[in-house]
Amino acid sequence: MIETIEGLPDGVIGFEAAGEVSADDYRDVLVPAIEAALRGGERLSLLYVLGERFDGMSAGAMWQDTKLGLEHPRSWQRLAIVTDVEWIGHAIKAFAWTIPAEVRVFALADRGEAEAWLGGT
């Protein structure tokens, strides 16, 4: 399941993963929210929290994640992944060069720092 995070700085959208994330979660929650935010024509910053309630991603969700980045290559300004899941942090760092945005991985304890970074402060 993907839940929307409210109360973020202007130009920042956020989501938190809980349980196992599926392709349907991308289709029903993440993609519509991103497309709505992109209608303003501004580049976006994205906060994605994979915390203690996160159990994993289906193969379909991983594919949707890849497609999302490819469909909007010039729409991203910054991307902050907040997680203590070690393999995700390593994977993001390894493939950050393929993501058309500034990318940083933050520990769960540093979520506030991630939000401040996304907001430009």
C-alpha atoms as a PDB file:
ATOM      1  CA  MET A   1       0.000   0.000   0.000  1.00  0.00           C
ATOM      2  CA  ILE A   2       1.151   3.551  -0.721  1.00  0.00           C
ATOM      3  CA  GLU A   3      -0.090   6.416   1.425  1.00  0.00           C
ATOM      4  CA  THR A   4       0.153  10.116   0.580  1.00  0.00           C
ATOM      5  CA  ILE A   5       2.133  12.296   3.002  1.00  0.00           C
ATOM      6  CA  GLU A   6       0.530  15.664   3.670  1.00  0.00           C
ATOM      7  CA  GLY A   7       2.032  18.921   4.957  1.00  0.00           C
ATOM      8  CA  LEU A   8       5.197  18.986   2.848  1.00  0.00           C
ATOM      9  CA  PRO A   9       6.807  22.157   1.455  1.00  0.00           C
ATOM     10  CA  ASP A  10       5.496  23.624  -1.806  1.00  0.00           C
ATOM     11  CA  GLY A  11       6.717  21.700  -4.828  1.00  0.00           C
ATOM     12  CA  VAL A  12       7.264  18.533  -2.787  1.00  0.00           C
ATOM     13  CA  ILE A  13       5.032  15.482  -2.925  1.00  0.00           C
ATOM     14  CA  GLY A  14       5.463  12.526  -0.631  1.00  0.00           C
ATOM     15  CA  PHE A  15       4.451   8.935  -0.180  1.00  0.00           C
ATOM     16  CA  GLU A  16       4.973   6.256   2.430  1.00  0.00           C
ATOM     17  CA  ALA A  17       5.007   2.560   1.625  1.00  0.00           C
ATOM     18  CA  ALA A  18       3.273   0.164   4.008  1.00  0.00           C
ATOM     19  CA  GLY A  19       2.989  -3.611   3.673  1.00  0.00           C
ATOM     20  CA  GLU A  20       3.815  -4.924   0.231  1.00  0.00           C
ATOM     21  CA  VAL A  21       3.652  -2.329  -2.536  1.00  0.00           C
ATOM     22  CA  SER A  22       1.956  -3.548  -5.713  1.00  0.00           C
ATOM     23  CA  ALA A  23       1.564  -2.297  -9.271  1.00  0.00           C
ATOM     24  CA  ASP A  24      -2.023  -1.370  -8.362  1.00  0.00           C
ATOM     25  CA  ASP A  25      -0.699   0.975  -5.665  1.00  0.00           C
ATOM     26  CA  TYR A  26       1.290   2.821  -8.310  1.00  0.00           C
ATOM     27  CA  ARG A  27      -1.668   2.924 -10.689  1.00  0.00           C
ATOM     28  CA  ASP A  28      -4.243   3.991  -8.097  1.00  0.00           C
ATOM     29  CA  VAL A  29      -2.266   6.300  -5.780  1.00  0.00           C
ATOM     30  CA  LEU A  30       1.206   7.335  -6.867  1.00  0.00           C
ATOM     31  CA  VAL A  31       0.778   7.917 -10.606  1.00  0.00           C
ATOM     32  CA  PRO A  32      -2.437  10.006 -10.344  1.00  0.00           C
ATOM     33  CA  ALA A  33      -0.912  12.195  -7.609  1.00  0.00           C
ATOM     34  CA  ILE A  34       2.271  12.770  -9.597  1.00  0.00           C
ATOM     35  CA  GLU A  35       0.402  13.498 -12.816  1.00  0.00           C
ATOM     36  CA  ALA A  36      -1.848  15.991 -10.990  1.00  0.00           C
ATOM     37  CA  ALA A  37       1.193  17.725  -9.503  1.00  0.00           C
ATOM     38  CA  LEU A  38       2.906  17.867 -12.904  1.00  0.00           C
ATOM     39  CA  ARG A  39      -0.013  19.739 -14.451  1.00  0.00           C
ATOM     40  CA  GLY A  40       1.400  22.894 -12.875  1.00  0.00           C
ATOM     41  CA  GLY A  41       4.404  22.639 -15.195  1.00  0.00           C
ATOM     42  CA  GLU A  42       6.971  22.917 -12.392  1.00  0.00           C
ATOM     43  CA  ARG A  43       9.667  20.374 -11.641  1.00  0.00           C
ATOM     44  CA  LEU A  44       8.848  18.248  -8.617  1.00  0.00           C
ATOM     45  CA  SER A  45      10.692  16.951  -5.621  1.00  0.00           C
ATOM     46  CA  LEU A  46       9.604  13.600  -4.221  1.00  0.00           C
ATOM     47  CA  LEU A  47       9.821  12.131  -0.723  1.00  0.00           C
ATOM     48  CA  TYR A  48       9.433   8.350  -0.612  1.00  0.00           C
ATOM     49  CA  VAL A  49       9.460   6.750   2.838  1.00  0.00           C
ATOM     50  CA  LEU A  50      10.051   3.013   3.146  1.00  0.00           C
ATOM     51  CA  GLY A  51       9.821   2.636   6.891  1.00  0.00           C
ATOM     52  CA  GLU A  52       9.095   0.016   9.500  1.00  0.00           C
ATOM     53  CA  ARG A  53       5.704  -0.841   7.978  1.00  0.00           C
ATOM     54  CA  PHE A  54       7.253  -1.562   4.547  1.00  0.00           C
ATOM     55  CA  ASP A  55       7.374  -5.287   3.676  1.00  0.00           C
ATOM     56  CA  GLY A  56       8.591  -5.178   0.074  1.00  0.00           C
ATOM     57  CA  MET A  57       7.601  -4.550  -3.530  1.00  0.00           C
ATOM     58  CA  SER A  58       6.076  -6.850  -6.083  1.00  0.00           C
ATOM     59  CA  ALA A  59       7.826  -7.248  -9.427  1.00  0.00           C
ATOM     60  CA  GLY A  60       4.979  -5.273 -11.001  1.00  0.00           C
ATOM     61  CA  ALA A  61       5.557  -2.404  -8.589  1.00  0.00           C
ATOM     62  CA  MET A  62       9.262  -2.338  -9.437  1.00  0.00           C
ATOM     63  CA  TRP A  63       8.384  -2.150 -13.123  1.00  0.00           C
ATOM     64  CA  GLN A  64       5.875   0.666 -12.496  1.00  0.00           C
ATOM     65  CA  ASP A  65       8.555   2.527 -10.547  1.00  0.00           C
ATOM     66  CA  THR A  66      10.961   2.249 -13.473  1.00  0.00           C
ATOM     67  CA  LYS A  67       8.308   3.334 -15.985  1.00  0.00           C
ATOM     68  CA  LEU A  68       7.349   6.333 -13.870  1.00  0.00           C
ATOM     69  CA  GLY A  69      10.864   7.724 -14.017  1.00  0.00           C
ATOM     70  CA  LEU A  70      11.138   7.102 -17.748  1.00  0.00           C
ATOM     71  CA  GLU A  71       7.789   8.703 -18.581  1.00  0.00           C
ATOM     72  CA  HIS A  72       8.648  12.020 -16.914  1.00  0.00           C
ATOM     73  CA  PRO A  73      12.426  12.375 -17.308  1.00  0.00           C
ATOM     74  CA  ARG A  74      12.571  16.166 -17.085  1.00  0.00           C
ATOM     75  CA  SER A  75       9.970  16.583 -14.370  1.00  0.00           C
ATOM     76  CA  TRP A  76      12.103  15.824 -11.334  1.00  0.00           C
ATOM     77  CA  GLN A  77      14.206  18.194  -9.280  1.00  0.00           C
ATOM     78  CA  ARG A  78      15.091  16.190  -6.171  1.00  0.00           C
ATOM     79  CA  LEU A  79      14.306  12.714  -4.909  1.00  0.00           C
ATOM     80  CA  ALA A  80      14.724  11.691  -1.262  1.00  0.00           C
ATOM     81  CA  ILE A  81      14.391   8.048  -0.297  1.00  0.00           C
ATOM     82  CA  VAL A  82      13.993   7.623   3.464  1.00  0.00           C
ATOM     83  CA  THR A  83      14.665   4.092   4.629  1.00  0.00           C
ATOM     84  CA  ASP A  84      16.683   1.873   6.886  1.00  0.00           C
ATOM     85  CA  VAL A  85      16.277  -1.031   4.435  1.00  0.00           C
ATOM     86  CA  GLU A  86      19.904  -1.530   3.510  1.00  0.00           C
ATOM     87  CA  TRP A  87      19.471  -3.119   0.079  1.00  0.00           C
ATOM     88  CA  ILE A  88      17.185  -0.318  -1.087  1.00  0.00           C
ATOM     89  CA  GLY A  89      19.684   2.335  -0.036  1.00  0.00           C
ATOM     90  CA  HIS A  90      22.471   0.500  -1.881  1.00  0.00           C
ATOM     91  CA  ALA A  91      20.339   0.025  -5.006  1.00  0.00           C
ATOM     92  CA  ILE A  92      19.331   3.700  -5.112  1.00  0.00           C
ATOM     93  CA  LYS A  93      22.932   4.822  -4.698  1.00  0.00           C
ATOM     94  CA  ALA A  94      24.112   2.402  -7.394  1.00  0.00           C
ATOM     95  CA  PHE A  95      21.544   3.584  -9.929  1.00  0.00           C
ATOM     96  CA  ALA A  96      21.272   7.270  -8.941  1.00  0.00           C
ATOM     97  CA  TRP A  97      23.175   8.261 -12.065  1.00  0.00           C
ATOM     98  CA  THR A  98      20.254   6.974 -14.187  1.00  0.00           C
ATOM     99  CA  ILE A  99      17.708   9.126 -12.358  1.00  0.00           C
ATOM    100  CA  PRO A 100      17.235  12.588 -13.889  1.00  0.00           C
ATOM    101  CA  ALA A 101      17.249  14.419 -10.546  1.00  0.00           C
ATOM    102  CA  GLU A 102      19.377  15.025  -7.492  1.00  0.00           C
ATOM    103  CA  VAL A 103      18.992  11.862  -5.408  1.00  0.00           C
ATOM    104  CA  ARG A 104      19.795  11.270  -1.755  1.00  0.00           C
ATOM    105  CA  VAL A 105      19.101   8.409   0.626  1.00  0.00           C
ATOM    106  CA  PHE A 106      18.296   9.271   4.241  1.00  0.00           C
ATOM    107  CA  ALA A 107      17.910   7.089   7.318  1.00  0.00           C
ATOM    108  CA  LEU A 108      14.467   6.996   8.941  1.00  0.00           C
ATOM    109  CA  ALA A 109      15.825   9.065  11.830  1.00  0.00           C
ATOM    110  CA  ASP A 110      16.739  11.803   9.312  1.00  0.00           C
ATOM    111  CA  ARG A 111      13.322  12.209   7.706  1.00  0.00           C
ATOM    112  CA  GLY A 112      13.089  15.852   8.815  1.00  0.00           C
ATOM    113  CA  GLU A 113      16.430  16.551   7.157  1.00  0.00           C
ATOM    114  CA  ALA A 114      15.141  14.924   3.961  1.00  0.00           C
ATOM    115  CA  GLU A 115      12.024  17.105   3.957  1.00  0.00           C
ATOM    116  CA  ALA A 116      14.115  20.246   4.537  1.00  0.00           C
ATOM    117  CA  TRP A 117      16.490  19.267   1.695  1.00  0.00           C
ATOM    118  CA  LEU A 118      13.573  18.709  -0.668  1.00  0.00           C
ATOM    119  CA  GLY A 119      12.110  22.072   0.283  1.00  0.00           C
ATOM    120  CA  GLY A 120      15.399  23.760  -0.543  1.00  0.00           C
ATOM    121  CA  THR A 121      16.362  24.732   2.999  1.00  0.00           C
END
